[in-house]
Amino acid sequence: MHEIFYRQFGNRRELASWAGLTPTPWASGDVQRDQGIGRDGPAWIRAQLVQMAWRWVRFQPDSALSQWFEARTAGARGRIRRVMIVAVACKLLIALWRNADTGLVPIGARVA
């Protein structure tokens, strides 16, 4: 918490970029694509966010974020789920940042 949220971020893109969870653009001629996450920033924070995302999906099944993940990965196994959990980690980071900054609780989350 203190390692991430002590900084001031102007918007969610700055936060995700700092954590290395934003896509890296690639262009060659007329072809423009994203190559996956940039992996800039602290690797241990990204690893913790991915672990937190797996736990969020497991222990917060009624949240909008978990339902989004389940809808996107319905019936999928392996690589697709691992790729999508990184997207959940990014969305979770932003939701937690909003919670720390404004007190806004993620939709559908149970708070003890």
N, C-alpha and C. Protein backbone atom coordinates (compact mmCIF):
# COMPACT_ATOMS: atom_id res chain seq x y z
N MET A 1 0.82 -1.19 0.00
CA MET A 1 0.00 0.00 0.00
C MET A 1 0.86 1.26 0.00
N HIS A 2 1.78 1.31 0.96
CA HIS A 2 2.59 2.53 1.09
C HIS A 2 3.57 2.68 -0.06
N GLU A 3 3.98 1.57 -0.64
CA GLU A 3 4.93 1.63 -1.74
C GLU A 3 4.30 2.20 -3.01
N ILE A 4 3.01 1.97 -3.20
CA ILE A 4 2.35 2.41 -4.42
C ILE A 4 1.63 3.74 -4.23
N PHE A 5 0.82 3.83 -3.20
CA PHE A 5 -0.12 4.95 -3.11
C PHE A 5 0.43 6.19 -2.42
N TYR A 6 1.71 6.22 -2.09
CA TYR A 6 2.26 7.45 -1.52
C TYR A 6 2.54 8.46 -2.63
N ARG A 7 2.63 7.98 -3.86
CA ARG A 7 2.83 8.87 -5.00
C ARG A 7 1.51 9.49 -5.44
N GLN A 8 1.60 10.61 -6.10
CA GLN A 8 0.42 11.25 -6.67
C GLN A 8 0.36 10.91 -8.15
N PHE A 9 -0.73 10.29 -8.57
CA PHE A 9 -0.93 9.96 -9.98
C PHE A 9 -2.07 10.83 -10.50
N GLY A 10 -1.88 11.37 -11.70
CA GLY A 10 -2.88 12.24 -12.27
C GLY A 10 -4.12 11.51 -12.77
N ASN A 11 -3.92 10.28 -13.25
CA ASN A 11 -5.04 9.49 -13.76
C ASN A 11 -4.69 8.01 -13.71
N ARG A 12 -5.63 7.19 -14.11
CA ARG A 12 -5.45 5.74 -14.02
C ARG A 12 -4.38 5.24 -14.98
N ARG A 13 -4.21 5.89 -16.11
CA ARG A 13 -3.19 5.46 -17.07
C ARG A 13 -1.78 5.66 -16.53
N GLU A 14 -1.58 6.76 -15.81
CA GLU A 14 -0.28 6.98 -15.19
C GLU A 14 0.02 5.91 -14.15
N LEU A 15 -0.98 5.55 -13.38
CA LEU A 15 -0.81 4.52 -12.35
C LEU A 15 -0.47 3.17 -12.98
N ALA A 16 -1.24 2.76 -13.98
CA ALA A 16 -1.00 1.48 -14.64
C ALA A 16 0.34 1.47 -15.37
N SER A 17 0.73 2.58 -15.94
CA SER A 17 2.00 2.68 -16.63
C SER A 17 3.15 2.57 -15.63
N TRP A 18 3.02 3.21 -14.49
CA TRP A 18 4.06 3.13 -13.46
C TRP A 18 4.25 1.68 -13.00
N ALA A 19 3.17 0.94 -12.89
CA ALA A 19 3.25 -0.45 -12.44
C ALA A 19 3.67 -1.40 -13.56
N GLY A 20 3.73 -0.92 -14.79
CA GLY A 20 4.14 -1.78 -15.91
C GLY A 20 3.01 -2.65 -16.43
N LEU A 21 1.78 -2.21 -16.30
CA LEU A 21 0.62 -3.00 -16.72
C LEU A 21 -0.08 -2.40 -17.94
N THR A 22 0.60 -1.57 -18.70
CA THR A 22 0.00 -0.98 -19.90
C THR A 22 0.60 -1.64 -21.14
N PRO A 23 -0.15 -1.66 -22.24
CA PRO A 23 0.37 -2.29 -23.46
C PRO A 23 1.52 -1.50 -24.08
N THR A 24 2.41 -2.21 -24.73
CA THR A 24 3.52 -1.60 -25.44
C THR A 24 3.16 -1.56 -26.93
N PRO A 25 3.09 -0.37 -27.51
CA PRO A 25 2.73 -0.30 -28.93
C PRO A 25 3.88 -0.74 -29.83
N TRP A 26 3.53 -1.28 -30.97
CA TRP A 26 4.49 -1.69 -31.98
C TRP A 26 3.92 -1.31 -33.34
N ALA A 27 4.74 -0.73 -34.18
CA ALA A 27 4.28 -0.33 -35.50
C ALA A 27 5.37 -0.63 -36.53
N SER A 28 4.93 -1.12 -37.68
CA SER A 28 5.83 -1.37 -38.80
C SER A 28 5.03 -1.13 -40.06
N GLY A 29 5.33 -0.04 -40.72
CA GLY A 29 4.56 0.30 -41.92
C GLY A 29 3.13 0.64 -41.55
N ASP A 30 2.19 -0.07 -42.16
CA ASP A 30 0.77 0.18 -41.88
C ASP A 30 0.24 -0.65 -40.71
N VAL A 31 1.05 -1.55 -40.18
CA VAL A 31 0.62 -2.44 -39.10
C VAL A 31 0.90 -1.78 -37.76
N GLN A 32 -0.13 -1.68 -36.92
CA GLN A 32 0.03 -1.14 -35.58
C GLN A 32 -0.64 -2.10 -34.60
N ARG A 33 0.12 -2.57 -33.63
CA ARG A 33 -0.39 -3.54 -32.66
C ARG A 33 0.15 -3.24 -31.28
N ASP A 34 -0.43 -3.90 -30.29
CA ASP A 34 0.10 -3.87 -28.93
C ASP A 34 0.83 -5.18 -28.69
N GLN A 35 1.99 -5.09 -28.05
CA GLN A 35 2.83 -6.26 -27.84
C GLN A 35 2.63 -6.91 -26.48
N GLY A 36 1.72 -6.47 -25.70
CA GLY A 36 1.57 -6.99 -24.34
C GLY A 36 2.00 -5.92 -23.35
N ILE A 37 2.07 -6.28 -22.09
CA ILE A 37 2.38 -5.29 -21.07
C ILE A 37 3.83 -4.85 -21.17
N GLY A 38 4.08 -3.61 -20.73
CA GLY A 38 5.40 -3.02 -20.85
C GLY A 38 6.42 -3.55 -19.87
N ARG A 39 5.99 -4.00 -18.72
CA ARG A 39 6.86 -4.52 -17.66
C ARG A 39 7.84 -3.48 -17.15
N ASP A 40 7.47 -2.22 -17.24
CA ASP A 40 8.27 -1.17 -16.61
C ASP A 40 7.89 -1.13 -15.13
N GLY A 41 8.72 -0.54 -14.35
CA GLY A 41 8.41 -0.42 -12.94
C GLY A 41 8.80 -1.67 -12.15
N PRO A 42 8.46 -1.67 -10.87
CA PRO A 42 8.88 -2.75 -9.98
C PRO A 42 8.22 -4.09 -10.31
N ALA A 43 9.04 -5.09 -10.57
CA ALA A 43 8.52 -6.42 -10.91
C ALA A 43 7.80 -7.06 -9.73
N TRP A 44 8.29 -6.82 -8.52
CA TRP A 44 7.67 -7.45 -7.36
C TRP A 44 6.27 -6.90 -7.11
N ILE A 45 6.03 -5.65 -7.47
CA ILE A 45 4.68 -5.09 -7.32
C ILE A 45 3.74 -5.75 -8.33
N ARG A 46 4.21 -5.94 -9.57
CA ARG A 46 3.39 -6.63 -10.57
C ARG A 46 3.06 -8.04 -10.12
N ALA A 47 4.03 -8.73 -9.58
CA ALA A 47 3.81 -10.10 -9.10
C ALA A 47 2.78 -10.13 -7.98
N GLN A 48 2.88 -9.18 -7.06
CA GLN A 48 1.91 -9.11 -5.96
C GLN A 48 0.51 -8.77 -6.48
N LEU A 49 0.44 -7.91 -7.48
CA LEU A 49 -0.86 -7.55 -8.04
C LEU A 49 -1.52 -8.74 -8.74
N VAL A 50 -0.72 -9.54 -9.43
CA VAL A 50 -1.27 -10.72 -10.09
C VAL A 50 -1.78 -11.72 -9.05
N GLN A 51 -1.02 -11.93 -7.98
CA GLN A 51 -1.47 -12.81 -6.91
C GLN A 51 -2.75 -12.28 -6.26
N MET A 52 -2.79 -10.98 -6.06
CA MET A 52 -3.98 -10.36 -5.47
C MET A 52 -5.18 -10.51 -6.41
N ALA A 53 -4.95 -10.43 -7.70
CA ALA A 53 -6.03 -10.58 -8.67
C ALA A 53 -6.61 -12.00 -8.63
N TRP A 54 -5.73 -13.02 -8.54
CA TRP A 54 -6.23 -14.39 -8.43
C TRP A 54 -7.08 -14.55 -7.17
N ARG A 55 -6.62 -13.99 -6.08
CA ARG A 55 -7.38 -14.09 -4.83
C ARG A 55 -8.67 -13.30 -4.90
N TRP A 56 -8.66 -12.16 -5.57
CA TRP A 56 -9.87 -11.36 -5.73
C TRP A 56 -10.93 -12.17 -6.48
N VAL A 57 -10.53 -12.80 -7.56
CA VAL A 57 -11.47 -13.59 -8.36
C VAL A 57 -12.04 -14.74 -7.52
N ARG A 58 -11.19 -15.32 -6.69
CA ARG A 58 -11.64 -16.45 -5.88
C ARG A 58 -12.52 -16.04 -4.71
N PHE A 59 -12.15 -14.99 -3.98
CA PHE A 59 -12.84 -14.64 -2.74
C PHE A 59 -13.85 -13.51 -2.88
N GLN A 60 -13.92 -12.87 -4.02
CA GLN A 60 -14.92 -11.83 -4.29
C GLN A 60 -15.71 -12.18 -5.55
N PRO A 61 -16.36 -13.34 -5.58
CA PRO A 61 -17.02 -13.77 -6.82
C PRO A 61 -18.21 -12.91 -7.23
N ASP A 62 -18.77 -12.15 -6.32
CA ASP A 62 -19.93 -11.31 -6.66
C ASP A 62 -19.55 -9.93 -7.16
N SER A 63 -18.27 -9.60 -7.14
CA SER A 63 -17.85 -8.27 -7.58
C SER A 63 -17.93 -8.19 -9.11
N ALA A 64 -18.09 -6.98 -9.59
CA ALA A 64 -18.18 -6.75 -11.03
C ALA A 64 -16.89 -7.17 -11.74
N LEU A 65 -15.77 -6.98 -11.08
CA LEU A 65 -14.48 -7.34 -11.67
C LEU A 65 -14.36 -8.86 -11.85
N SER A 66 -14.77 -9.62 -10.84
CA SER A 66 -14.72 -11.09 -10.94
C SER A 66 -15.70 -11.60 -11.99
N GLN A 67 -16.86 -11.00 -12.06
CA GLN A 67 -17.84 -11.41 -13.06
C GLN A 67 -17.35 -11.08 -14.46
N TRP A 68 -16.66 -9.96 -14.62
CA TRP A 68 -16.09 -9.60 -15.92
C TRP A 68 -15.06 -10.66 -16.33
N PHE A 69 -14.20 -11.05 -15.39
CA PHE A 69 -13.18 -12.06 -15.67
C PHE A 69 -13.83 -13.38 -16.06
N GLU A 70 -14.83 -13.81 -15.31
CA GLU A 70 -15.49 -15.08 -15.60
C GLU A 70 -16.20 -15.04 -16.95
N ALA A 71 -16.80 -13.91 -17.30
CA ALA A 71 -17.48 -13.79 -18.59
C ALA A 71 -16.46 -13.84 -19.75
N ARG A 72 -15.31 -13.21 -19.57
CA ARG A 72 -14.30 -13.17 -20.61
C ARG A 72 -13.58 -14.51 -20.79
N THR A 73 -13.49 -15.29 -19.71
CA THR A 73 -12.74 -16.54 -19.76
C THR A 73 -13.64 -17.76 -19.63
N ALA A 74 -14.89 -17.62 -19.91
CA ALA A 74 -15.84 -18.73 -19.76
C ALA A 74 -15.38 -19.93 -20.58
N GLY A 75 -15.09 -21.02 -19.90
CA GLY A 75 -14.69 -22.24 -20.58
C GLY A 75 -13.22 -22.28 -20.99
N ALA A 76 -12.51 -21.20 -20.84
CA ALA A 76 -11.10 -21.16 -21.25
C ALA A 76 -10.21 -21.71 -20.14
N ARG A 77 -9.05 -22.18 -20.54
CA ARG A 77 -8.06 -22.67 -19.58
C ARG A 77 -6.69 -22.15 -19.97
N GLY A 78 -5.77 -22.27 -19.06
CA GLY A 78 -4.38 -22.01 -19.36
C GLY A 78 -4.03 -20.58 -19.72
N ARG A 79 -3.46 -20.41 -20.90
CA ARG A 79 -2.88 -19.13 -21.31
C ARG A 79 -3.90 -17.99 -21.30
N ILE A 80 -5.09 -18.23 -21.79
CA ILE A 80 -6.10 -17.16 -21.85
C ILE A 80 -6.41 -16.64 -20.45
N ARG A 81 -6.56 -17.54 -19.49
CA ARG A 81 -6.83 -17.11 -18.12
C ARG A 81 -5.65 -16.34 -17.53
N ARG A 82 -4.43 -16.75 -17.84
CA ARG A 82 -3.25 -16.04 -17.32
C ARG A 82 -3.13 -14.65 -17.94
N VAL A 83 -3.44 -14.52 -19.20
CA VAL A 83 -3.41 -13.21 -19.85
C VAL A 83 -4.49 -12.31 -19.26
N MET A 84 -5.67 -12.85 -19.08
CA MET A 84 -6.79 -12.05 -18.57
C MET A 84 -6.62 -11.67 -17.11
N ILE A 85 -5.90 -12.49 -16.33
CA ILE A 85 -5.71 -12.13 -14.93
C ILE A 85 -4.81 -10.91 -14.80
N VAL A 86 -3.93 -10.69 -15.78
CA VAL A 86 -3.12 -9.47 -15.77
C VAL A 86 -4.02 -8.25 -15.99
N ALA A 87 -5.02 -8.39 -16.85
CA ALA A 87 -5.99 -7.31 -17.04
C ALA A 87 -6.78 -7.07 -15.76
N VAL A 88 -7.13 -8.14 -15.05
CA VAL A 88 -7.82 -8.00 -13.76
C VAL A 88 -6.90 -7.29 -12.77
N ALA A 89 -5.62 -7.64 -12.78
CA ALA A 89 -4.66 -7.00 -11.87
C ALA A 89 -4.60 -5.50 -12.12
N CYS A 90 -4.60 -5.11 -13.38
CA CYS A 90 -4.59 -3.68 -13.73
C CYS A 90 -5.86 -3.00 -13.25
N LYS A 91 -7.00 -3.61 -13.52
CA LYS A 91 -8.28 -3.04 -13.10
C LYS A 91 -8.39 -2.99 -11.57
N LEU A 92 -7.86 -4.01 -10.90
CA LEU A 92 -7.88 -4.05 -9.45
C LEU A 92 -6.99 -2.96 -8.86
N LEU A 93 -5.82 -2.76 -9.45
CA LEU A 93 -4.93 -1.69 -9.01
C LEU A 93 -5.63 -0.35 -9.09
N ILE A 94 -6.31 -0.10 -10.18
CA ILE A 94 -7.03 1.16 -10.36
C ILE A 94 -8.16 1.28 -9.35
N ALA A 95 -8.89 0.19 -9.12
CA ALA A 95 -9.99 0.22 -8.15
C ALA A 95 -9.47 0.48 -6.74
N LEU A 96 -8.34 -0.13 -6.38
CA LEU A 96 -7.77 0.10 -5.06
C LEU A 96 -7.22 1.52 -4.92
N TRP A 97 -6.67 2.05 -6.01
CA TRP A 97 -6.19 3.43 -6.00
C TRP A 97 -7.37 4.39 -5.77
N ARG A 98 -8.48 4.12 -6.46
CA ARG A 98 -9.66 4.96 -6.24
C ARG A 98 -10.18 4.83 -4.82
N ASN A 99 -10.10 3.63 -4.27
CA ASN A 99 -10.53 3.42 -2.89
C ASN A 99 -9.64 4.20 -1.93
N ALA A 100 -8.33 4.14 -2.13
CA ALA A 100 -7.40 4.85 -1.26
C ALA A 100 -7.52 6.35 -1.42
N ASP A 101 -7.82 6.81 -2.63
CA ASP A 101 -7.86 8.24 -2.92
C ASP A 101 -9.20 8.87 -2.55
N THR A 102 -10.30 8.21 -2.89
CA THR A 102 -11.62 8.81 -2.69
C THR A 102 -12.53 8.02 -1.77
N GLY A 103 -12.14 6.79 -1.42
CA GLY A 103 -13.00 5.96 -0.57
C GLY A 103 -14.05 5.18 -1.35
N LEU A 104 -13.97 5.20 -2.66
CA LEU A 104 -14.93 4.49 -3.51
C LEU A 104 -14.64 2.99 -3.48
N VAL A 105 -15.62 2.20 -3.03
CA VAL A 105 -15.46 0.75 -2.94
C VAL A 105 -15.78 0.15 -4.30
N PRO A 106 -14.98 -0.84 -4.76
CA PRO A 106 -15.28 -1.49 -6.05
C PRO A 106 -16.68 -2.09 -6.06
N ILE A 107 -17.34 -2.03 -7.19
CA ILE A 107 -18.73 -2.47 -7.33
C ILE A 107 -18.85 -3.94 -6.97
N GLY A 108 -19.77 -4.25 -6.09
CA GLY A 108 -20.05 -5.63 -5.72
C GLY A 108 -19.09 -6.25 -4.73
N ALA A 109 -18.09 -5.50 -4.27
CA ALA A 109 -17.10 -6.04 -3.35
C ALA A 109 -17.69 -6.09 -1.94
N ARG A 110 -17.36 -7.18 -1.24
CA ARG A 110 -17.75 -7.30 0.17
C ARG A 110 -16.64 -6.70 1.01
N VAL A 111 -16.99 -5.78 1.85
CA VAL A 111 -16.01 -5.14 2.72
C VAL A 111 -16.28 -5.60 4.15
N ALA A 112 -15.25 -6.12 4.79
CA ALA A 112 -15.42 -6.63 6.15
C ALA A 112 -15.44 -5.52 7.17
